[in-house]
């Protein structure tokens, strides 16, 4: 059966992971799909099969996301992303987490809800390992932001802000007073150039995993 691509394009909302472009100027500028904002007391995330937002869980404790948080469309953390993580962190036995690339976005303005798209400039990232999975957190700034928009590299950020991000991701699953070895670790903070490499490897992983969807997306993009 022939599919009318123009009809599909006009009637159905694009899937935020598969049906939204990462951007023409990647990796210098990428699209971020925001799932969670700092005021959220419930953890929202993209339901990958449907493309709708869902409640993952209430935030268990008093911690809240320190920045806007979401994913980079048309990325996937597979074996290339994992191999790069192992090489940079001098580790073995790491696999990709089979999810789109996570992104934290610095912005001065208060954005009150997720399920939105933002053009952002990646400036660095956190090399996070969750168990044996590569779980990088790209750090970016909102384009045109009055406070953060001029930043080109993570080393321009106040160290306290980066420490806050590291603390959040290392502790947000911990119960008060919890002791023992954590399941997550951040091996190091990296700058703009390495963030670009992570994005590019995750795009290659996505093409290998979802190349058929990319072909359909490119066909839909040509339809008015």
N, C-alpha and C. Protein backbone atom coordinates (compact mmCIF):
# COMPACT_ATOMS: atom_id res chain seq x y z
N UNK A 1 0.85 -1.20 0.00
CA UNK A 1 0.00 0.00 0.00
C UNK A 1 0.89 1.24 0.00
N UNK A 2 0.63 2.18 -0.90
CA UNK A 2 1.37 3.42 -0.94
C UNK A 2 0.98 4.30 0.24
N UNK A 3 1.97 4.98 0.80
CA UNK A 3 1.73 5.89 1.91
C UNK A 3 1.81 7.32 1.41
N UNK A 4 0.78 8.10 1.68
CA UNK A 4 0.78 9.51 1.33
C UNK A 4 1.60 10.25 2.38
N UNK A 5 2.86 10.57 2.06
CA UNK A 5 3.74 11.18 3.04
C UNK A 5 3.28 12.58 3.43
N UNK A 6 2.69 13.30 2.49
CA UNK A 6 2.18 14.63 2.80
C UNK A 6 1.09 14.55 3.86
N UNK A 7 0.20 13.56 3.73
CA UNK A 7 -0.88 13.38 4.70
C UNK A 7 -0.32 13.02 6.07
N UNK A 8 0.66 12.12 6.11
CA UNK A 8 1.28 11.75 7.37
C UNK A 8 1.90 12.97 8.04
N UNK A 9 2.57 13.78 7.23
CA UNK A 9 3.27 14.94 7.75
C UNK A 9 2.31 15.94 8.37
N UNK A 10 1.13 16.08 7.80
CA UNK A 10 0.19 17.11 8.25
C UNK A 10 -0.72 16.65 9.39
N UNK A 11 -1.00 15.34 9.45
CA UNK A 11 -1.98 14.86 10.42
C UNK A 11 -1.39 14.41 11.74
N UNK A 12 -0.13 14.01 11.74
CA UNK A 12 0.42 13.40 12.94
C UNK A 12 1.61 14.20 13.48
N UNK A 13 1.63 14.30 14.80
CA UNK A 13 2.74 14.97 15.47
C UNK A 13 4.00 14.12 15.35
N UNK A 14 5.13 14.76 15.12
CA UNK A 14 6.39 14.05 14.99
C UNK A 14 6.79 13.45 16.34
N UNK A 15 7.35 12.25 16.30
CA UNK A 15 7.88 11.61 17.49
C UNK A 15 9.11 12.39 17.94
N UNK A 16 9.19 12.82 19.21
CA UNK A 16 10.31 13.68 19.64
C UNK A 16 11.68 13.04 19.50
N UNK A 17 11.76 11.72 19.53
CA UNK A 17 13.05 11.05 19.39
C UNK A 17 13.38 10.78 17.93
N UNK A 18 12.42 10.25 17.20
CA UNK A 18 12.69 9.79 15.84
C UNK A 18 12.26 10.78 14.76
N UNK A 19 11.28 11.61 15.05
CA UNK A 19 10.68 12.45 14.02
C UNK A 19 11.06 13.90 14.08
N UNK A 20 12.01 14.26 14.95
CA UNK A 20 12.50 15.63 15.08
C UNK A 20 13.96 15.65 14.67
N UNK A 21 14.34 16.63 13.87
CA UNK A 21 15.73 16.72 13.42
C UNK A 21 16.64 17.13 14.56
N UNK A 22 17.83 16.56 14.59
CA UNK A 22 18.84 16.98 15.55
C UNK A 22 19.36 18.38 15.22
N UNK A 23 19.18 18.80 13.97
CA UNK A 23 19.60 20.14 13.56
C UNK A 23 20.61 20.11 12.43
N UNK A 24 20.57 21.12 11.60
CA UNK A 24 21.45 21.18 10.43
C UNK A 24 22.89 21.54 10.80
N UNK A 25 23.10 22.14 11.97
CA UNK A 25 24.44 22.60 12.34
C UNK A 25 25.08 21.75 13.44
N UNK A 26 24.56 20.53 13.60
CA UNK A 26 25.14 19.65 14.60
C UNK A 26 26.60 19.33 14.25
N UNK A 27 27.48 19.15 15.22
CA UNK A 27 27.25 19.17 16.67
C UNK A 27 27.39 20.53 17.34
N UNK A 28 27.68 21.58 16.53
CA UNK A 28 27.84 22.91 17.14
C UNK A 28 26.54 23.40 17.77
N UNK A 29 25.43 23.14 17.11
CA UNK A 29 24.10 23.49 17.62
C UNK A 29 23.22 22.27 17.42
N UNK A 30 22.48 21.87 18.47
CA UNK A 30 21.59 20.73 18.35
C UNK A 30 20.22 21.11 18.90
N UNK A 31 19.25 20.30 18.55
CA UNK A 31 17.91 20.43 19.14
C UNK A 31 17.88 19.63 20.42
N UNK A 32 17.31 20.21 21.47
CA UNK A 32 17.08 19.49 22.72
C UNK A 32 15.58 19.36 22.93
N UNK A 33 15.13 18.16 23.24
CA UNK A 33 13.74 17.94 23.63
C UNK A 33 13.70 17.90 25.15
N UNK A 34 13.03 18.87 25.76
CA UNK A 34 13.03 19.01 27.21
C UNK A 34 11.91 18.17 27.81
N UNK A 35 12.30 17.31 28.74
CA UNK A 35 11.34 16.46 29.44
C UNK A 35 11.00 17.00 30.83
N UNK A 36 12.02 17.56 31.51
CA UNK A 36 11.86 17.96 32.91
C UNK A 36 12.42 19.36 33.11
N UNK A 37 11.75 20.14 33.94
CA UNK A 37 12.24 21.47 34.31
C UNK A 37 12.51 21.49 35.81
N UNK A 38 13.32 22.44 36.31
CA UNK A 38 13.72 22.41 37.72
C UNK A 38 12.57 22.44 38.72
N UNK A 39 11.42 22.98 38.35
CA UNK A 39 10.30 23.06 39.29
C UNK A 39 9.51 21.75 39.40
N UNK A 40 9.80 20.78 38.57
CA UNK A 40 9.03 19.52 38.58
C UNK A 40 9.35 18.70 39.83
N UNK A 41 8.31 18.25 40.50
CA UNK A 41 8.47 17.33 41.63
C UNK A 41 8.13 15.90 41.23
N UNK A 42 7.79 15.71 39.97
CA UNK A 42 7.55 14.39 39.40
C UNK A 42 8.54 14.20 38.26
N UNK A 43 9.09 13.02 38.14
CA UNK A 43 10.02 12.73 37.04
C UNK A 43 9.22 12.33 35.81
N UNK A 44 9.22 13.19 34.81
CA UNK A 44 8.59 12.89 33.54
C UNK A 44 9.64 12.36 32.57
N UNK A 45 9.22 11.52 31.64
CA UNK A 45 10.14 11.11 30.60
C UNK A 45 9.34 10.72 29.36
N UNK A 46 10.03 10.69 28.24
CA UNK A 46 9.40 10.34 26.98
C UNK A 46 9.06 8.85 26.98
N UNK A 47 7.81 8.54 26.65
CA UNK A 47 7.43 7.14 26.42
C UNK A 47 7.87 6.79 25.01
N UNK A 48 8.91 6.00 24.89
CA UNK A 48 9.56 5.81 23.60
C UNK A 48 8.67 5.15 22.55
N UNK A 49 7.83 4.16 22.90
CA UNK A 49 6.98 3.59 21.85
C UNK A 49 5.96 4.56 21.25
N UNK A 50 5.39 5.46 22.09
CA UNK A 50 4.31 6.32 21.61
C UNK A 50 4.75 7.74 21.27
N UNK A 51 5.84 8.21 21.88
CA UNK A 51 6.25 9.60 21.68
C UNK A 51 5.54 10.58 22.59
N UNK A 52 4.73 10.08 23.54
CA UNK A 52 4.06 10.95 24.50
C UNK A 52 4.88 11.02 25.78
N UNK A 53 4.66 12.09 26.54
CA UNK A 53 5.27 12.22 27.85
C UNK A 53 4.52 11.34 28.84
N UNK A 54 5.26 10.75 29.77
CA UNK A 54 4.63 9.95 30.82
C UNK A 54 5.28 10.27 32.16
N UNK A 55 4.55 9.93 33.22
CA UNK A 55 5.11 10.05 34.57
C UNK A 55 5.93 8.80 34.83
N UNK A 56 7.21 9.00 35.10
CA UNK A 56 8.07 7.87 35.44
C UNK A 56 7.92 7.54 36.91
N UNK A 57 8.03 8.57 37.77
CA UNK A 57 7.87 8.36 39.21
C UNK A 57 7.87 9.73 39.88
N UNK A 58 7.25 9.84 41.05
CA UNK A 58 7.45 11.06 41.84
C UNK A 58 8.91 11.13 42.29
N UNK A 59 9.44 12.33 42.41
CA UNK A 59 10.77 12.46 42.99
C UNK A 59 10.71 11.96 44.43
N UNK A 60 11.57 11.01 44.76
CA UNK A 60 11.48 10.36 46.06
C UNK A 60 11.85 11.30 47.22
N UNK A 61 12.81 12.15 46.96
CA UNK A 61 13.35 12.96 48.05
C UNK A 61 13.24 14.44 47.66
N UNK A 62 13.95 15.30 48.37
CA UNK A 62 13.78 16.74 48.18
C UNK A 62 14.60 17.28 47.00
N UNK A 63 15.40 16.42 46.36
CA UNK A 63 16.25 16.92 45.27
C UNK A 63 15.41 17.23 44.04
N UNK A 64 15.83 18.26 43.32
CA UNK A 64 15.18 18.64 42.07
C UNK A 64 16.25 18.83 41.02
N UNK A 65 15.87 18.69 39.76
CA UNK A 65 16.82 18.87 38.68
C UNK A 65 17.37 20.29 38.70
N UNK A 66 18.69 20.46 38.65
CA UNK A 66 19.26 21.80 38.70
C UNK A 66 19.17 22.57 37.39
N UNK A 67 18.84 21.90 36.29
CA UNK A 67 18.73 22.55 34.98
C UNK A 67 17.56 21.95 34.22
N UNK A 68 17.28 22.52 33.08
CA UNK A 68 16.39 21.84 32.13
C UNK A 68 17.05 20.54 31.73
N UNK A 69 16.25 19.51 31.51
CA UNK A 69 16.80 18.17 31.25
C UNK A 69 15.96 17.46 30.20
N UNK A 70 16.65 16.79 29.28
CA UNK A 70 15.91 16.07 28.25
C UNK A 70 16.83 15.19 27.42
N UNK A 71 16.53 15.11 26.13
CA UNK A 71 17.26 14.22 25.24
C UNK A 71 17.57 14.93 23.92
N UNK A 72 18.51 14.34 23.21
CA UNK A 72 18.87 14.84 21.88
C UNK A 72 18.23 13.93 20.84
N UNK A 73 17.34 14.45 19.99
CA UNK A 73 16.69 13.61 19.00
C UNK A 73 17.68 12.93 18.05
N UNK A 74 17.29 11.77 17.56
CA UNK A 74 18.06 11.01 16.57
C UNK A 74 19.49 10.72 17.05
N UNK A 75 19.60 10.41 18.34
CA UNK A 75 20.84 9.88 18.91
C UNK A 75 20.51 8.58 19.63
N UNK A 76 21.53 7.75 19.81
CA UNK A 76 21.34 6.45 20.47
C UNK A 76 22.67 6.05 21.07
N UNK A 77 22.64 5.61 22.32
CA UNK A 77 23.88 5.22 23.00
C UNK A 77 24.09 3.73 22.80
N UNK A 78 24.85 3.40 21.76
CA UNK A 78 25.15 2.02 21.42
C UNK A 78 26.62 1.72 21.59
N UNK A 79 27.13 0.82 20.73
CA UNK A 79 28.49 0.33 20.96
C UNK A 79 29.56 1.39 20.67
N UNK A 80 29.34 2.30 19.73
CA UNK A 80 30.34 3.34 19.48
C UNK A 80 30.45 4.29 20.67
N UNK A 81 29.30 4.68 21.20
CA UNK A 81 29.30 5.55 22.38
C UNK A 81 29.97 4.86 23.55
N UNK A 82 29.69 3.56 23.73
CA UNK A 82 30.30 2.81 24.82
C UNK A 82 31.80 2.65 24.62
N UNK A 83 32.23 2.38 23.38
CA UNK A 83 33.66 2.24 23.10
C UNK A 83 34.40 3.54 23.41
N UNK A 84 33.79 4.67 23.05
CA UNK A 84 34.43 5.96 23.32
C UNK A 84 34.51 6.20 24.83
N UNK A 85 33.46 5.83 25.54
CA UNK A 85 33.46 5.97 26.99
C UNK A 85 34.59 5.14 27.61
N UNK A 86 34.73 3.89 27.15
CA UNK A 86 35.79 3.03 27.70
C UNK A 86 37.17 3.61 27.41
N UNK A 87 37.36 4.12 26.19
CA UNK A 87 38.66 4.68 25.83
C UNK A 87 38.99 5.90 26.67
N UNK A 88 38.01 6.78 26.87
CA UNK A 88 38.26 8.02 27.60
C UNK A 88 38.38 7.80 29.11
N UNK A 89 37.66 6.80 29.62
CA UNK A 89 37.66 6.56 31.06
C UNK A 89 38.61 5.44 31.47
N UNK A 90 39.28 4.82 30.48
CA UNK A 90 40.21 3.70 30.75
C UNK A 90 39.49 2.58 31.52
N UNK A 91 38.33 2.20 31.01
CA UNK A 91 37.52 1.14 31.62
C UNK A 91 37.26 0.04 30.60
N UNK A 92 36.80 -1.09 31.09
CA UNK A 92 36.39 -2.20 30.24
C UNK A 92 34.99 -2.63 30.63
N UNK A 93 34.34 -3.36 29.72
CA UNK A 93 33.04 -3.94 30.02
C UNK A 93 31.89 -2.97 30.03
N UNK A 94 32.05 -1.80 29.40
CA UNK A 94 30.98 -0.80 29.35
C UNK A 94 30.13 -1.02 28.10
N UNK A 95 28.82 -0.91 28.24
CA UNK A 95 27.89 -0.99 27.11
C UNK A 95 27.10 0.31 27.04
N UNK A 96 26.49 0.57 25.88
CA UNK A 96 25.60 1.72 25.78
C UNK A 96 24.31 1.46 26.53
N UNK A 97 23.64 2.52 26.98
CA UNK A 97 22.41 2.32 27.75
C UNK A 97 21.18 2.17 26.88
N UNK A 98 21.37 2.15 25.54
CA UNK A 98 20.26 1.91 24.60
C UNK A 98 19.17 2.98 24.68
N UNK A 99 19.56 4.18 25.04
CA UNK A 99 18.63 5.31 25.11
C UNK A 99 19.18 6.46 24.28
N UNK A 100 18.33 7.45 23.97
CA UNK A 100 18.88 8.67 23.37
C UNK A 100 19.82 9.37 24.33
N UNK A 101 20.67 10.23 23.78
CA UNK A 101 21.65 10.96 24.57
C UNK A 101 20.96 11.97 25.47
N UNK A 102 21.34 11.97 26.76
CA UNK A 102 20.77 12.92 27.72
C UNK A 102 21.45 14.27 27.59
N UNK A 103 20.68 15.33 27.90
CA UNK A 103 21.24 16.67 27.81
C UNK A 103 20.68 17.55 28.92
N UNK A 104 21.57 18.34 29.52
CA UNK A 104 21.21 19.36 30.53
C UNK A 104 21.40 20.73 29.89
N UNK A 105 20.42 21.59 30.02
CA UNK A 105 20.46 22.90 29.35
C UNK A 105 20.44 24.02 30.38
N UNK A 106 21.46 24.87 30.32
CA UNK A 106 21.54 26.04 31.20
C UNK A 106 20.77 27.18 30.56
N UNK A 107 19.89 27.79 31.34
CA UNK A 107 19.07 28.91 30.84
C UNK A 107 18.73 29.84 31.99
N UNK A 108 18.75 31.13 31.72
CA UNK A 108 18.38 32.11 32.74
C UNK A 108 16.88 32.13 32.96
N UNK A 109 16.11 32.09 31.90
CA UNK A 109 14.66 32.23 31.99
C UNK A 109 14.02 30.97 32.57
N UNK A 110 12.96 31.16 33.31
CA UNK A 110 12.21 30.04 33.85
C UNK A 110 11.29 29.47 32.77
N UNK A 111 11.47 28.22 32.47
CA UNK A 111 10.58 27.51 31.55
C UNK A 111 9.74 26.59 32.42
N UNK A 112 8.43 26.71 32.32
CA UNK A 112 7.54 26.14 33.34
C UNK A 112 7.14 24.70 33.08
N UNK A 113 7.39 24.17 31.89
CA UNK A 113 6.97 22.79 31.62
C UNK A 113 7.84 22.19 30.54
N UNK A 114 7.87 20.88 30.50
CA UNK A 114 8.61 20.17 29.47
C UNK A 114 7.78 19.96 28.23
N UNK A 115 8.18 18.99 27.42
CA UNK A 115 7.53 18.67 26.15
C UNK A 115 7.68 19.84 25.17
N UNK A 116 8.90 20.41 25.14
CA UNK A 116 9.20 21.50 24.22
C UNK A 116 10.55 21.23 23.56
N UNK A 117 10.79 21.92 22.45
CA UNK A 117 12.05 21.83 21.73
C UNK A 117 12.83 23.12 21.89
N UNK A 118 14.14 23.01 22.09
CA UNK A 118 15.00 24.18 22.22
C UNK A 118 16.24 24.00 21.34
N UNK A 119 16.65 25.06 20.62
CA UNK A 119 17.98 25.03 20.00
C UNK A 119 19.03 25.37 21.05
N UNK A 120 20.05 24.52 21.17
CA UNK A 120 21.05 24.71 22.23
C UNK A 120 22.45 24.53 21.66
N UNK A 121 23.43 25.07 22.40
CA UNK A 121 24.83 24.94 22.04
C UNK A 121 25.53 24.03 23.05
N UNK A 122 25.97 22.85 22.65
CA UNK A 122 26.70 21.99 23.59
C UNK A 122 28.04 22.60 23.96
N UNK A 123 28.35 22.59 25.26
CA UNK A 123 29.62 23.17 25.72
C UNK A 123 30.47 22.15 26.49
N UNK A 124 29.96 20.97 26.72
CA UNK A 124 30.73 19.97 27.47
C UNK A 124 29.84 18.84 27.92
N UNK A 125 30.29 18.12 28.95
CA UNK A 125 29.49 17.01 29.44
C UNK A 125 30.10 16.35 30.66
N UNK A 126 29.32 15.44 31.22
CA UNK A 126 29.76 14.61 32.34
C UNK A 126 29.86 13.17 31.84
N UNK A 127 31.01 12.56 32.02
CA UNK A 127 31.15 11.15 31.65
C UNK A 127 30.64 10.30 32.81
N UNK A 128 29.37 9.93 32.72
CA UNK A 128 28.72 9.18 33.79
C UNK A 128 28.62 7.72 33.38
N UNK A 129 28.89 6.84 34.33
CA UNK A 129 28.72 5.40 34.14
C UNK A 129 27.74 4.91 35.20
N UNK A 130 26.67 4.28 34.74
CA UNK A 130 25.61 3.79 35.63
C UNK A 130 25.67 2.26 35.59
N UNK A 131 26.22 1.66 36.64
CA UNK A 131 26.47 0.22 36.61
C UNK A 131 27.58 -0.06 35.62
N UNK A 132 27.21 -0.72 34.51
CA UNK A 132 28.19 -0.95 33.43
C UNK A 132 27.76 -0.26 32.15
N UNK A 133 26.90 0.77 32.27
CA UNK A 133 26.36 1.44 31.09
C UNK A 133 26.91 2.86 30.95
N UNK A 134 27.29 3.21 29.73
CA UNK A 134 27.65 4.59 29.43
C UNK A 134 26.40 5.45 29.47
N UNK A 135 26.43 6.52 30.23
CA UNK A 135 25.24 7.36 30.44
C UNK A 135 25.66 8.83 30.45
N UNK A 136 26.34 9.26 29.38
CA UNK A 136 26.83 10.63 29.31
C UNK A 136 25.72 11.65 29.48
N UNK A 137 26.05 12.76 30.12
CA UNK A 137 25.15 13.90 30.25
C UNK A 137 25.80 15.08 29.52
N UNK A 138 25.29 15.39 28.34
CA UNK A 138 25.78 16.56 27.62
C UNK A 138 25.28 17.82 28.32
N UNK A 139 26.14 18.82 28.45
CA UNK A 139 25.76 20.10 29.03
C UNK A 139 25.76 21.14 27.92
N UNK A 140 24.67 21.90 27.84
CA UNK A 140 24.51 22.87 26.75
C UNK A 140 23.92 24.15 27.31
N UNK A 141 23.97 25.21 26.51
CA UNK A 141 23.33 26.48 26.87
C UNK A 141 22.26 26.80 25.85
N UNK A 142 21.19 27.44 26.32
CA UNK A 142 20.12 27.83 25.41
C UNK A 142 20.60 28.94 24.49
N UNK A 143 20.34 28.82 23.23
CA UNK A 143 20.76 29.81 22.25
C UNK A 143 20.13 31.16 22.56
N UNK A 144 20.93 32.21 22.57
CA UNK A 144 20.42 33.55 22.80
C UNK A 144 20.16 33.88 24.25
N UNK A 145 20.49 32.97 25.18
CA UNK A 145 20.24 33.24 26.58
C UNK A 145 21.12 34.39 27.06
N UNK A 146 20.52 35.30 27.86
CA UNK A 146 21.23 36.51 28.27
C UNK A 146 22.40 36.23 29.21
N UNK A 147 22.31 35.19 30.01
CA UNK A 147 23.35 34.88 30.99
C UNK A 147 24.33 33.83 30.48
N UNK A 148 23.80 32.75 29.91
CA UNK A 148 24.64 31.62 29.52
C UNK A 148 24.92 31.55 28.02
N UNK A 149 24.17 32.29 27.23
CA UNK A 149 24.23 32.10 25.78
C UNK A 149 25.58 32.36 25.15
N UNK A 150 26.44 33.15 25.80
CA UNK A 150 27.76 33.46 25.22
C UNK A 150 28.76 32.33 25.43
N UNK A 151 28.47 31.38 26.31
CA UNK A 151 29.46 30.37 26.68
C UNK A 151 29.70 29.41 25.53
N UNK A 152 30.96 29.10 25.30
CA UNK A 152 31.36 28.17 24.24
C UNK A 152 31.95 26.88 24.79
N UNK A 153 32.40 26.90 26.05
CA UNK A 153 33.03 25.72 26.62
C UNK A 153 32.68 25.62 28.09
N UNK A 154 32.60 24.41 28.60
CA UNK A 154 32.16 24.19 29.97
C UNK A 154 33.08 24.88 30.98
N UNK A 155 34.33 25.11 30.62
CA UNK A 155 35.28 25.73 31.54
C UNK A 155 34.99 27.20 31.77
N UNK A 156 34.02 27.76 31.03
CA UNK A 156 33.55 29.11 31.30
C UNK A 156 32.48 29.15 32.39
N UNK A 157 31.95 27.98 32.75
CA UNK A 157 30.89 27.92 33.77
C UNK A 157 31.49 28.06 35.17
N UNK A 158 30.73 28.63 36.09
CA UNK A 158 31.19 28.65 37.48
C UNK A 158 31.37 27.21 37.98
N UNK A 159 32.48 26.90 38.63
CA UNK A 159 32.69 25.52 39.12
C UNK A 159 31.57 25.04 40.03
N UNK A 160 30.97 25.95 40.80
CA UNK A 160 29.89 25.53 41.71
C UNK A 160 28.70 24.97 40.95
N UNK A 161 28.44 25.50 39.75
CA UNK A 161 27.33 25.02 38.95
C UNK A 161 27.60 23.59 38.45
N UNK A 162 28.82 23.33 38.01
CA UNK A 162 29.17 21.98 37.57
C UNK A 162 29.15 21.02 38.76
N UNK A 163 29.63 21.47 39.92
CA UNK A 163 29.59 20.62 41.11
C UNK A 163 28.15 20.28 41.48
N UNK A 164 27.24 21.22 41.30
CA UNK A 164 25.83 20.97 41.61
C UNK A 164 25.26 19.89 40.69
N UNK A 165 25.61 19.96 39.41
CA UNK A 165 25.15 18.94 38.48
C UNK A 165 25.73 17.57 38.83
N UNK A 166 27.02 17.54 39.13
CA UNK A 166 27.65 16.26 39.50
C UNK A 166 26.99 15.68 40.75
N UNK A 167 26.78 16.54 41.74
CA UNK A 167 26.18 16.06 42.99
C UNK A 167 24.79 15.50 42.74
N UNK A 168 24.01 16.18 41.90
CA UNK A 168 22.66 15.69 41.64
C UNK A 168 22.69 14.29 41.04
N UNK A 169 23.46 14.10 39.98
CA UNK A 169 23.44 12.81 39.30
C UNK A 169 24.08 11.69 40.11
N UNK A 170 24.91 12.05 41.06
CA UNK A 170 25.52 11.03 41.91
C UNK A 170 24.65 10.66 43.11
N UNK A 171 23.66 11.49 43.43
CA UNK A 171 22.91 11.26 44.67
C UNK A 171 21.40 11.14 44.49
N UNK A 172 20.86 11.43 43.30
CA UNK A 172 19.40 11.55 43.20
C UNK A 172 18.67 10.24 43.46
N UNK A 173 19.35 9.13 43.39
CA UNK A 173 18.71 7.84 43.68
C UNK A 173 18.94 7.37 45.12
N UNK A 174 19.73 8.13 45.88
CA UNK A 174 20.10 7.70 47.23
C UNK A 174 19.02 8.07 48.24
N UNK A 175 18.73 7.15 49.13
CA UNK A 175 17.87 7.46 50.27
C UNK A 175 18.67 8.26 51.30
N UNK A 176 17.99 9.11 52.09
CA UNK A 176 18.70 9.85 53.14
C UNK A 176 19.45 8.89 54.07
N UNK A 177 20.71 9.21 54.31
CA UNK A 177 21.51 8.39 55.19
C UNK A 177 22.04 7.11 54.56
N UNK A 178 21.81 6.94 53.26
CA UNK A 178 22.26 5.70 52.61
C UNK A 178 23.78 5.61 52.63
N UNK A 179 24.26 4.39 52.85
CA UNK A 179 25.70 4.16 52.87
C UNK A 179 26.03 3.05 51.89
N UNK A 180 27.30 2.89 51.62
CA UNK A 180 27.73 1.85 50.70
C UNK A 180 28.11 2.42 49.35
N UNK A 181 28.58 1.55 48.49
CA UNK A 181 29.06 1.96 47.18
C UNK A 181 27.90 2.36 46.27
N UNK A 182 28.04 3.52 45.64
CA UNK A 182 27.02 3.96 44.68
C UNK A 182 27.11 3.18 43.39
N UNK A 183 25.97 3.08 42.71
CA UNK A 183 25.94 2.38 41.44
C UNK A 183 26.37 3.27 40.29
N UNK A 184 26.38 4.58 40.49
CA UNK A 184 26.75 5.53 39.44
C UNK A 184 28.05 6.23 39.82
N UNK A 185 28.79 6.62 38.79
CA UNK A 185 29.99 7.41 39.01
C UNK A 185 30.19 8.37 37.84
N UNK A 186 30.86 9.45 38.10
CA UNK A 186 31.25 10.40 37.06
C UNK A 186 32.76 10.39 37.02
N UNK A 187 33.31 9.87 35.94
CA UNK A 187 34.77 9.71 35.87
C UNK A 187 35.46 11.04 35.62
N UNK A 188 34.82 11.92 34.83
CA UNK A 188 35.41 13.24 34.62
C UNK A 188 34.43 14.16 33.91
N UNK A 189 34.74 15.42 33.97
CA UNK A 189 34.02 16.47 33.23
C UNK A 189 34.81 16.74 31.97
N UNK A 190 34.12 16.87 30.82
CA UNK A 190 34.84 17.14 29.58
C UNK A 190 34.27 18.38 28.88
N UNK A 191 35.07 18.91 27.97
CA UNK A 191 34.73 20.16 27.31
C UNK A 191 34.01 19.99 25.98
N UNK A 192 33.95 21.09 25.27
CA UNK A 192 33.17 21.19 24.04
C UNK A 192 33.57 20.17 22.99
N UNK A 193 34.87 20.03 22.73
CA UNK A 193 35.31 19.15 21.65
C UNK A 193 34.93 17.69 21.92
N UNK A 194 35.09 17.28 23.17
CA UNK A 194 34.73 15.90 23.50
C UNK A 194 33.21 15.70 23.46
N UNK A 195 32.47 16.72 23.84
CA UNK A 195 31.01 16.64 23.74
C UNK A 195 30.59 16.45 22.29
N UNK A 196 31.26 17.16 21.38
CA UNK A 196 30.96 16.99 19.96
C UNK A 196 31.22 15.55 19.51
N UNK A 197 32.29 14.95 20.02
CA UNK A 197 32.59 13.56 19.66
C UNK A 197 31.52 12.62 20.17
N UNK A 198 31.07 12.82 21.40
CA UNK A 198 30.01 11.98 21.96
C UNK A 198 28.75 12.08 21.12
N UNK A 199 28.38 13.30 20.74
CA UNK A 199 27.19 13.50 19.92
C UNK A 199 27.33 12.78 18.58
N UNK A 200 28.48 12.91 17.96
CA UNK A 200 28.69 12.30 16.65
C UNK A 200 28.65 10.77 16.73
N UNK A 201 29.26 10.19 17.78
CA UNK A 201 29.19 8.73 17.93
C UNK A 201 27.76 8.27 18.18
N UNK A 202 27.01 9.03 18.96
CA UNK A 202 25.62 8.65 19.23
C UNK A 202 24.76 8.77 17.98
N UNK A 203 25.09 9.71 17.09
CA UNK A 203 24.37 9.81 15.81
C UNK A 203 24.68 8.60 14.93
N UNK A 204 25.94 8.15 14.92
CA UNK A 204 26.29 6.96 14.17
C UNK A 204 25.57 5.73 14.71
N UNK A 205 25.52 5.61 16.05
CA UNK A 205 24.80 4.50 16.66
C UNK A 205 23.33 4.54 16.28
N UNK A 206 22.75 5.74 16.23
CA UNK A 206 21.35 5.86 15.86
C UNK A 206 21.12 5.41 14.42
N UNK A 207 22.00 5.83 13.52
CA UNK A 207 21.85 5.44 12.12
C UNK A 207 21.92 3.93 11.96
N UNK A 208 22.83 3.30 12.70
CA UNK A 208 22.93 1.84 12.63
C UNK A 208 21.67 1.16 13.16
N UNK A 209 21.10 1.70 14.24
CA UNK A 209 19.94 1.09 14.88
C UNK A 209 18.64 1.44 14.19
N UNK A 210 18.50 2.68 13.74
CA UNK A 210 17.21 3.17 13.25
C UNK A 210 17.33 3.81 11.87
N UNK A 211 18.20 3.30 11.03
CA UNK A 211 18.38 3.88 9.71
C UNK A 211 17.12 3.91 8.88
N UNK A 212 16.22 2.91 9.05
CA UNK A 212 14.98 2.88 8.28
C UNK A 212 14.08 4.04 8.67
N UNK A 213 14.06 4.39 9.96
CA UNK A 213 13.25 5.53 10.39
C UNK A 213 13.83 6.84 9.88
N UNK A 214 15.15 6.92 9.81
CA UNK A 214 15.78 8.12 9.28
C UNK A 214 15.37 8.35 7.83
N UNK A 215 15.31 7.26 7.06
CA UNK A 215 14.91 7.40 5.66
C UNK A 215 13.50 7.94 5.52
N UNK A 216 12.58 7.44 6.36
CA UNK A 216 11.21 7.94 6.32
C UNK A 216 11.15 9.40 6.76
N UNK A 217 11.94 9.74 7.80
CA UNK A 217 11.95 11.13 8.27
C UNK A 217 12.44 12.07 7.19
N UNK A 218 13.51 11.69 6.48
CA UNK A 218 14.04 12.54 5.42
C UNK A 218 13.02 12.74 4.31
N UNK A 219 12.25 11.68 4.01
CA UNK A 219 11.20 11.80 3.00
C UNK A 219 10.11 12.75 3.46
N UNK A 220 9.72 12.67 4.74
CA UNK A 220 8.69 13.54 5.27
C UNK A 220 9.14 15.00 5.29
N UNK A 221 10.43 15.23 5.53
CA UNK A 221 10.95 16.61 5.61
C UNK A 221 10.78 17.35 4.29
N UNK A 222 10.74 16.61 3.20
CA UNK A 222 10.64 17.27 1.90
C UNK A 222 9.22 17.65 1.56
N UNK A 223 8.24 17.23 2.39
CA UNK A 223 6.84 17.51 2.11
C UNK A 223 6.41 18.77 2.83
N UNK A 224 5.66 19.60 2.15
CA UNK A 224 5.14 20.83 2.77
C UNK A 224 3.87 20.53 3.54
